[in-house]
Amino acid sequence: MKKNIMILFALFLMISCGGDDPETEAAQGEEGGKCYPNRTCNDGLECSEGLCVKTADSGDTQDPSDADSSDSVSDDDTSDTSDSGDDNDQADSGENKDAECGNGVVESGEICEKGETKPCSEIDSSYKTGDVECNDSCGGWITVNCMASELEPLASFPARTHELTYLYNGVNAFNEMANQEDELWKSALFNASITMSGGTYSIPNPQANVHWIAAYYDSSALYFYQNSYLCDNSMNCQFATPSVIFGAALSELSAGKELSIGISDKHKVNMLIEDVTGEDNEDCVMLVGYGNLTVDSVKIAAGDSGNFKFTTSEIGLYLPGVTPEGDMSGELENAGFKICK
């Protein structure tokens, strides 16, 4: 774009220096000359059918191209455009009126492209966490999710390795729990205690004595659950929240691959801690997890059950409204989740 502007600028100089020959074509932007590419002309003129003509209210305003007139212009008269250096004002203002925000290209006059994101620290080293997003005009970055200090998690799940020896093929098989006995554990895979204003929040429920750790896959993703129960000696069980849930796209599950755990689209694994709230006992998201998951091995074949071995780093737990990425409540709600109050 800058190259095109410079070419037009050079042409303008060549034409305007053509001497006093009355037959010389009027310079671009002047009366009788062609309009600038963005359909504008010099002061006092307007673009009409590709040519610059006097505006309706310009009256007998002096022709701005008449640089030799003895009574030409005063020092403060801004109608004199014989200084071709302002080239349609784009070079002086830094604004490119032809730039199109949202076309996937950062053009002259734009700071970024609509929808573009990057770590906050790349635009300001004082930011330690969070991501910026390009604003709707492509003129700057939205920094509402940037934080000047490292955000400490409320609690964390320790790093560990686990193998699911049976993956249910589809949600219906998962709900039927055909392999339930192999998936019941005396201790939870993921557990933590968090001190909150209302007391201690435990994952899982501290009274739970049985934990069902299982997963299923469909055509696009794998879904992992840790559900906990309070069971008596006869295995009569009552569900006890919270639940630990995560999901990952099947296309990302290949042996040796390290996947980031978080909420926004840049993360490949989402981890949610769901509880219940209100009189209707609706499921809601209490906490979200951030960390990494390494795929140790995976076997998934259409029509078959499979297995999945994975290793997680330490996973930090945060409230949905206060995460390393900023407030992710809106993103979760847009995805159909309710936020615990």
Protein backbone atom coordinates (compact mmCIF):
# COMPACT_ATOMS: atom_id res chain seq x y z
CA MET A 1 0.00 0.00 0.00
CA LYS A 2 2.83 2.40 0.88
CA LYS A 3 4.45 1.67 -2.49
CA ASN A 4 1.23 2.60 -4.31
CA ILE A 5 1.01 5.85 -2.39
CA MET A 6 4.61 6.73 -3.31
CA ILE A 7 3.96 6.02 -7.02
CA LEU A 8 0.90 8.31 -6.97
CA PHE A 9 2.96 10.94 -5.16
CA ALA A 10 5.70 10.79 -7.85
CA LEU A 11 3.12 11.09 -10.63
CA PHE A 12 1.62 14.09 -8.87
CA LEU A 13 5.05 15.83 -8.79
CA MET A 14 5.69 15.06 -12.48
CA ILE A 15 2.34 16.50 -13.55
CA SER A 16 2.47 19.57 -11.28
CA CYS A 17 5.94 20.46 -12.63
CA GLY A 18 4.78 20.44 -16.26
CA GLY A 19 5.38 24.21 -16.76
CA ASP A 20 2.92 26.92 -17.76
CA ASP A 21 1.59 25.24 -20.90
CA PRO A 22 -2.19 25.85 -20.78
CA GLU A 23 -2.69 22.54 -22.54
CA THR A 24 -1.08 20.62 -19.63
CA GLU A 25 -3.60 18.38 -17.91
CA ALA A 26 -4.67 19.55 -14.43
CA ALA A 27 -2.82 17.85 -11.55
CA GLN A 28 -4.48 15.12 -9.59
CA GLY A 29 -6.56 16.56 -6.76
CA GLU A 30 -6.83 20.03 -8.40
CA GLU A 31 -9.81 21.48 -10.24
CA GLY A 32 -10.29 19.60 -13.49
CA GLY A 33 -7.79 16.93 -12.46
CA LYS A 34 -8.50 13.36 -11.48
CA CYS A 35 -9.65 12.54 -7.94
CA TYR A 36 -7.34 10.82 -5.48
CA PRO A 37 -7.82 7.03 -5.23
CA ASN A 38 -10.09 7.42 -2.19
CA ARG A 39 -12.41 9.76 -4.14
CA THR A 40 -11.25 13.01 -2.47
CA CYS A 41 -9.75 16.27 -3.83
CA ASN A 42 -7.87 19.31 -2.50
CA ASP A 43 -9.65 21.78 -0.19
CA GLY A 44 -12.59 23.55 -1.81
CA LEU A 45 -13.08 20.78 -4.36
CA GLU A 46 -15.11 17.60 -4.47
CA CYS A 47 -14.93 14.44 -6.57
CA SER A 48 -17.59 14.18 -9.26
CA GLU A 49 -17.51 11.36 -11.83
CA GLY A 50 -13.80 10.88 -11.28
CA LEU A 51 -12.82 14.59 -11.66
CA CYS A 52 -12.26 17.36 -9.10
CA VAL A 53 -14.77 20.23 -9.30
CA LYS A 54 -15.56 23.19 -7.06
CA THR A 55 -17.89 22.44 -4.18
CA ALA A 56 -21.33 24.02 -4.33
CA ASP A 57 -20.53 26.49 -1.50
CA SER A 58 -16.99 27.34 -2.58
CA GLY A 59 -18.08 30.49 -4.46
CA ASP A 60 -15.16 32.34 -5.97
CA THR A 61 -12.57 30.80 -3.71
CA GLN A 62 -9.13 31.21 -5.19
CA ASP A 63 -7.89 28.23 -7.22
CA PRO A 64 -5.52 26.44 -4.85
CA SER A 65 -3.25 25.49 -7.76
CA ASP A 66 -2.46 29.12 -8.59
CA ALA A 67 0.84 29.31 -6.75
CA ASP A 68 2.09 32.40 -8.76
CA SER A 69 -0.73 34.79 -7.82
CA SER A 70 0.63 37.96 -6.14
CA ASP A 71 -2.28 38.08 -3.70
CA SER A 72 -2.23 34.31 -3.29
CA VAL A 73 -2.59 33.21 0.31
CA SER A 74 -1.83 34.37 3.80
CA ASP A 75 0.40 32.44 6.18
CA ASP A 76 -2.61 30.90 7.92
CA ASP A 77 -4.53 30.01 4.75
CA THR A 78 -4.79 26.21 4.77
CA SER A 79 -6.36 26.03 1.29
CA ASP A 80 -2.93 26.12 -0.39
CA THR A 81 -2.20 22.52 -1.39
CA SER A 82 0.77 23.29 -3.65
CA ASP A 83 2.87 21.44 -1.01
CA SER A 84 2.36 18.02 -2.43
CA GLY A 85 3.95 16.48 0.66
CA ASP A 86 0.59 15.94 2.32
CA ASP A 87 -0.50 13.54 -0.47
CA ASN A 88 -4.14 13.28 0.51
CA ASP A 89 -3.21 13.68 4.21
CA GLN A 90 -2.41 9.94 4.53
CA ALA A 91 1.34 10.42 5.00
CA ASP A 92 0.88 13.07 7.70
CA SER A 93 -1.88 11.38 9.70
CA GLY A 94 -0.65 7.80 9.38
CA GLU A 95 -4.18 6.80 8.42
CA ASN A 96 -4.85 4.79 5.31
CA LYS A 97 -8.42 5.49 4.29
CA ASP A 98 -8.33 2.56 1.88
CA ALA A 99 -7.45 0.02 4.60
CA GLU A 100 -10.16 -2.56 5.21
CA CYS A 101 -10.42 -3.78 8.81
CA GLY A 102 -11.28 -7.46 8.94
CA ASN A 103 -9.82 -8.57 5.60
CA GLY A 104 -7.14 -10.70 7.26
CA VAL A 105 -4.24 -8.35 6.41
CA VAL A 106 -2.66 -5.69 8.63
CA GLU A 107 -2.48 -2.74 6.21
CA SER A 108 -0.87 0.66 6.44
CA GLY A 109 -2.65 2.68 9.13
CA GLU A 110 -3.80 -0.44 11.05
CA ILE A 111 -2.25 -1.61 14.32
CA CYS A 112 -3.64 -5.14 14.12
CA GLU A 113 -6.25 -7.24 12.36
CA LYS A 114 -9.75 -7.89 13.72
CA GLY A 115 -9.87 -11.11 15.75
CA GLU A 116 -6.08 -11.23 16.23
CA THR A 117 -4.79 -12.11 19.71
CA LYS A 118 -1.37 -12.25 21.35
CA PRO A 119 0.09 -12.37 24.88
CA CYS A 120 -0.23 -9.04 26.71
CA SER A 121 3.51 -9.08 27.43
CA GLU A 122 4.24 -8.71 23.70
CA ILE A 123 2.68 -5.24 23.61
CA ASP A 124 3.79 -4.15 27.09
CA SER A 125 6.45 -5.92 29.15
CA SER A 126 4.80 -4.75 32.38
CA TYR A 127 1.99 -7.25 31.76
CA LYS A 128 2.70 -10.71 33.13
CA THR A 129 -0.43 -12.67 32.18
CA GLY A 130 -3.42 -12.50 29.85
CA ASP A 131 -4.01 -11.97 26.14
CA VAL A 132 -4.90 -8.85 24.14
CA GLU A 133 -7.39 -8.83 21.28
CA CYS A 134 -7.54 -6.44 18.33
CA ASN A 135 -10.43 -3.98 18.57
CA ASP A 136 -13.21 -3.68 16.00
CA SER A 137 -11.56 -0.78 14.16
CA CYS A 138 -8.13 -2.47 13.89
CA GLY A 139 -6.70 0.65 15.53
CA GLY A 140 -5.45 -0.86 18.77
CA TRP A 141 -5.53 -3.65 21.36
CA ILE A 142 -8.11 -4.48 24.03
CA THR A 143 -6.16 -4.97 27.27
CA VAL A 144 -8.99 -5.71 29.72
CA ASN A 145 -7.64 -9.25 30.31
CA CYS A 146 -4.05 -8.13 30.94
CA MET A 147 -2.60 -8.42 34.44
CA ALA A 148 0.51 -6.73 35.76
CA SER A 149 1.40 -9.54 38.16
CA GLU A 150 1.39 -13.31 38.09
CA LEU A 151 -2.00 -14.63 39.18
CA GLU A 152 -1.79 -17.25 41.90
CA PRO A 153 -4.26 -20.17 41.64
CA LEU A 154 -6.73 -20.76 44.48
CA ALA A 155 -5.46 -24.34 44.64
CA SER A 156 -3.93 -26.92 42.31
CA PHE A 157 -4.10 -30.56 41.33
CA PRO A 158 -0.69 -32.26 41.61
CA ALA A 159 0.96 -33.65 38.47
CA ARG A 160 0.22 -37.31 37.79
CA THR A 161 -0.17 -40.04 35.17
CA HIS A 162 -3.29 -42.11 34.63
CA GLU A 163 -4.46 -44.72 32.14
CA LEU A 164 -8.07 -45.26 31.12
CA THR A 165 -8.16 -48.90 30.07
CA TYR A 166 -11.62 -48.60 28.54
CA LEU A 167 -13.01 -45.70 26.56
CA TYR A 168 -16.73 -45.84 25.88
CA ASN A 169 -17.65 -45.47 22.23
CA GLY A 170 -20.34 -42.80 22.40
CA VAL A 171 -22.33 -41.16 25.17
CA ASN A 172 -25.03 -43.87 25.25
CA ALA A 173 -22.51 -46.58 26.12
CA PHE A 174 -20.97 -44.23 28.68
CA ASN A 175 -24.35 -43.67 30.36
CA GLU A 176 -24.95 -47.43 30.50
CA MET A 177 -21.65 -47.83 32.42
CA ALA A 178 -20.88 -51.28 31.00
CA ASN A 179 -17.35 -51.25 32.43
CA GLN A 180 -18.24 -49.60 35.72
CA GLU A 181 -16.47 -52.02 38.08
CA ASP A 182 -13.09 -51.30 36.47
CA GLU A 183 -13.61 -47.56 36.87
CA LEU A 184 -14.59 -47.31 40.56
CA TRP A 185 -11.78 -45.99 42.74
CA LYS A 186 -11.45 -45.59 46.51
CA SER A 187 -9.44 -42.37 46.09
CA ALA A 188 -10.04 -39.55 43.66
CA LEU A 189 -7.68 -38.93 40.79
CA PHE A 190 -7.99 -35.15 41.14
CA ASN A 191 -8.42 -33.66 44.61
CA ALA A 192 -7.78 -30.30 46.26
CA SER A 193 -9.01 -28.10 49.11
CA ILE A 194 -9.67 -24.39 48.70
CA THR A 195 -10.29 -21.85 51.45
CA MET A 196 -13.14 -19.61 50.35
CA SER A 197 -15.30 -17.01 52.08
CA GLY A 198 -17.94 -19.61 52.92
CA GLY A 199 -15.43 -22.08 54.34
CA THR A 200 -13.44 -24.89 52.77
CA TYR A 201 -14.36 -26.05 49.29
CA SER A 202 -13.19 -29.61 48.65
CA ILE A 203 -12.73 -31.54 45.41
CA PRO A 204 -14.25 -34.07 45.58
CA ASN A 205 -16.88 -33.82 48.33
CA PRO A 206 -15.08 -34.83 51.55
CA GLN A 207 -17.79 -37.39 52.38
CA ALA A 208 -17.48 -39.18 49.04
CA ASN A 209 -16.00 -42.68 49.30
CA VAL A 210 -16.34 -43.93 45.74
CA HIS A 211 -15.10 -42.18 42.60
CA TRP A 212 -16.11 -43.13 39.07
CA ILE A 213 -13.31 -42.20 36.67
CA ALA A 214 -14.26 -42.85 33.06
CA ALA A 215 -14.31 -41.34 29.57
CA TYR A 216 -16.03 -41.65 26.24
CA TYR A 217 -15.36 -40.43 22.72
CA ASP A 218 -17.51 -39.49 19.75
CA SER A 219 -16.63 -38.53 16.19
CA SER A 220 -14.86 -35.33 17.22
CA ALA A 221 -13.74 -35.33 20.86
CA LEU A 222 -12.89 -37.26 24.01
CA TYR A 223 -14.66 -36.41 27.29
CA PHE A 224 -13.24 -37.36 30.71
CA TYR A 225 -15.19 -37.40 33.98
CA GLN A 226 -14.41 -37.80 37.67
CA ASN A 227 -17.77 -38.23 39.39
CA SER A 228 -17.90 -38.94 43.12
CA TYR A 229 -20.48 -40.74 45.27
CA LEU A 230 -21.34 -41.45 48.90
CA CYS A 231 -22.05 -45.20 48.99
CA ASP A 232 -23.07 -47.56 51.80
CA ASN A 233 -21.94 -51.19 52.23
CA SER A 234 -24.65 -52.35 49.82
CA MET A 235 -23.36 -49.96 47.18
CA ASN A 236 -26.42 -47.77 47.38
CA CYS A 237 -24.86 -44.53 46.22
CA GLN A 238 -25.74 -40.87 46.23
CA PHE A 239 -24.03 -38.50 43.80
CA ALA A 240 -21.79 -35.96 45.54
CA THR A 241 -20.53 -32.91 43.63
CA PRO A 242 -18.27 -31.35 42.46
CA SER A 243 -17.34 -33.20 39.27
CA VAL A 244 -14.11 -32.82 37.30
CA ILE A 245 -14.69 -32.74 33.55
CA PHE A 246 -12.37 -32.20 30.63
CA GLY A 247 -12.59 -32.52 26.89
CA ALA A 248 -10.10 -32.62 24.02
CA ALA A 249 -10.44 -32.80 20.24
CA LEU A 250 -9.62 -36.25 18.81
CA SER A 251 -7.51 -34.59 16.13
CA GLU A 252 -5.11 -33.44 18.88
CA LEU A 253 -4.74 -36.83 20.59
CA SER A 254 -1.56 -38.36 19.24
CA ALA A 255 1.16 -40.07 21.31
CA GLY A 256 3.81 -37.71 22.64
CA LYS A 257 1.81 -34.54 22.01
CA GLU A 258 1.67 -31.90 24.76
CA LEU A 259 -1.61 -30.00 24.97
CA SER A 260 -2.33 -26.86 26.97
CA ILE A 261 -5.24 -26.89 29.43
CA GLY A 262 -7.37 -23.73 29.63
CA ILE A 263 -10.60 -22.11 28.47
CA SER A 264 -10.06 -19.99 25.35
CA ASP A 265 -9.74 -21.40 21.84
CA LYS A 266 -5.95 -21.31 21.95
CA HIS A 267 -6.00 -24.15 24.52
CA LYS A 268 -6.52 -27.72 23.31
CA VAL A 269 -7.99 -29.15 26.55
CA ASN A 270 -10.76 -27.58 28.65
CA MET A 271 -11.00 -28.56 32.33
CA LEU A 272 -14.07 -27.56 34.35
CA ILE A 273 -15.04 -28.15 37.98
CA GLU A 274 -18.84 -28.39 38.06
CA ASP A 275 -21.07 -28.14 41.12
CA VAL A 276 -24.83 -27.59 41.51
CA THR A 277 -26.62 -24.43 42.53
CA GLY A 278 -30.12 -23.09 43.17
CA GLU A 279 -33.36 -24.81 44.02
CA ASP A 280 -33.32 -26.77 40.76
CA ASN A 281 -29.83 -28.13 41.43
CA GLU A 282 -28.60 -26.93 38.06
CA ASP A 283 -25.06 -27.81 37.03
CA CYS A 284 -22.75 -24.80 37.12
CA VAL A 285 -19.04 -24.13 36.69
CA MET A 286 -17.31 -23.36 39.99
CA LEU A 287 -13.65 -23.44 38.87
CA VAL A 288 -11.54 -23.83 35.74
CA GLY A 289 -8.14 -25.49 35.36
CA TYR A 290 -4.93 -24.33 33.65
CA GLY A 291 -1.86 -26.46 32.95
CA ASN A 292 -0.63 -29.03 30.43
CA LEU A 293 -1.55 -32.57 29.41
CA THR A 294 0.81 -34.93 27.59
CA VAL A 295 -0.66 -37.80 25.56
CA ASP A 296 1.40 -40.88 26.47
CA SER A 297 -0.60 -43.31 24.34
CA VAL A 298 -4.01 -43.46 22.76
CA LYS A 299 -5.99 -46.10 20.89
CA ILE A 300 -9.32 -45.14 19.41
CA ALA A 301 -10.93 -47.03 16.55
CA ALA A 302 -14.39 -46.46 15.11
CA GLY A 303 -16.88 -48.97 16.52
CA ASP A 304 -14.49 -50.07 19.27
CA SER A 305 -13.73 -49.18 22.85
CA GLY A 306 -10.23 -47.82 23.30
CA ASN A 307 -7.72 -46.72 25.90
CA PHE A 308 -5.98 -43.49 26.80
CA LYS A 309 -2.87 -42.89 28.92
CA PHE A 310 -2.00 -39.33 29.82
CA THR A 311 0.22 -37.26 32.14
CA THR A 312 -0.86 -33.92 33.55
CA SER A 313 1.36 -31.18 34.91
CA GLU A 314 0.30 -29.38 38.07
CA ILE A 315 -3.07 -27.83 37.20
CA GLY A 316 -3.94 -24.45 38.73
CA LEU A 317 -7.58 -23.84 39.69
CA TYR A 318 -9.19 -20.42 39.24
CA LEU A 319 -12.61 -18.83 39.47
CA PRO A 320 -14.08 -18.35 35.94
CA GLY A 321 -14.03 -14.58 36.41
CA VAL A 322 -10.37 -14.41 37.49
CA THR A 323 -8.12 -16.61 35.34
CA PRO A 324 -4.67 -16.17 33.76
CA GLU A 325 -6.59 -15.12 30.63
CA GLY A 326 -8.82 -12.66 32.48
CA ASP A 327 -12.58 -12.99 32.95
CA MET A 328 -13.72 -16.08 31.02
CA SER A 329 -17.29 -16.12 32.41
CA GLY A 330 -18.78 -14.69 29.23
CA GLU A 331 -17.00 -17.22 27.04
CA LEU A 332 -18.27 -20.11 29.17
CA GLU A 333 -21.81 -18.73 29.21
CA ASN A 334 -21.74 -18.29 25.43
CA ALA A 335 -20.78 -21.98 25.20
CA GLY A 336 -23.90 -22.90 27.21
CA PHE A 337 -22.47 -23.24 30.72
CA LYS A 338 -23.92 -21.66 33.84
CA ILE A 339 -21.51 -19.96 36.27
CA CYS A 340 -21.93 -20.81 39.98
CA LYS A 341 -22.80 -17.77 42.11
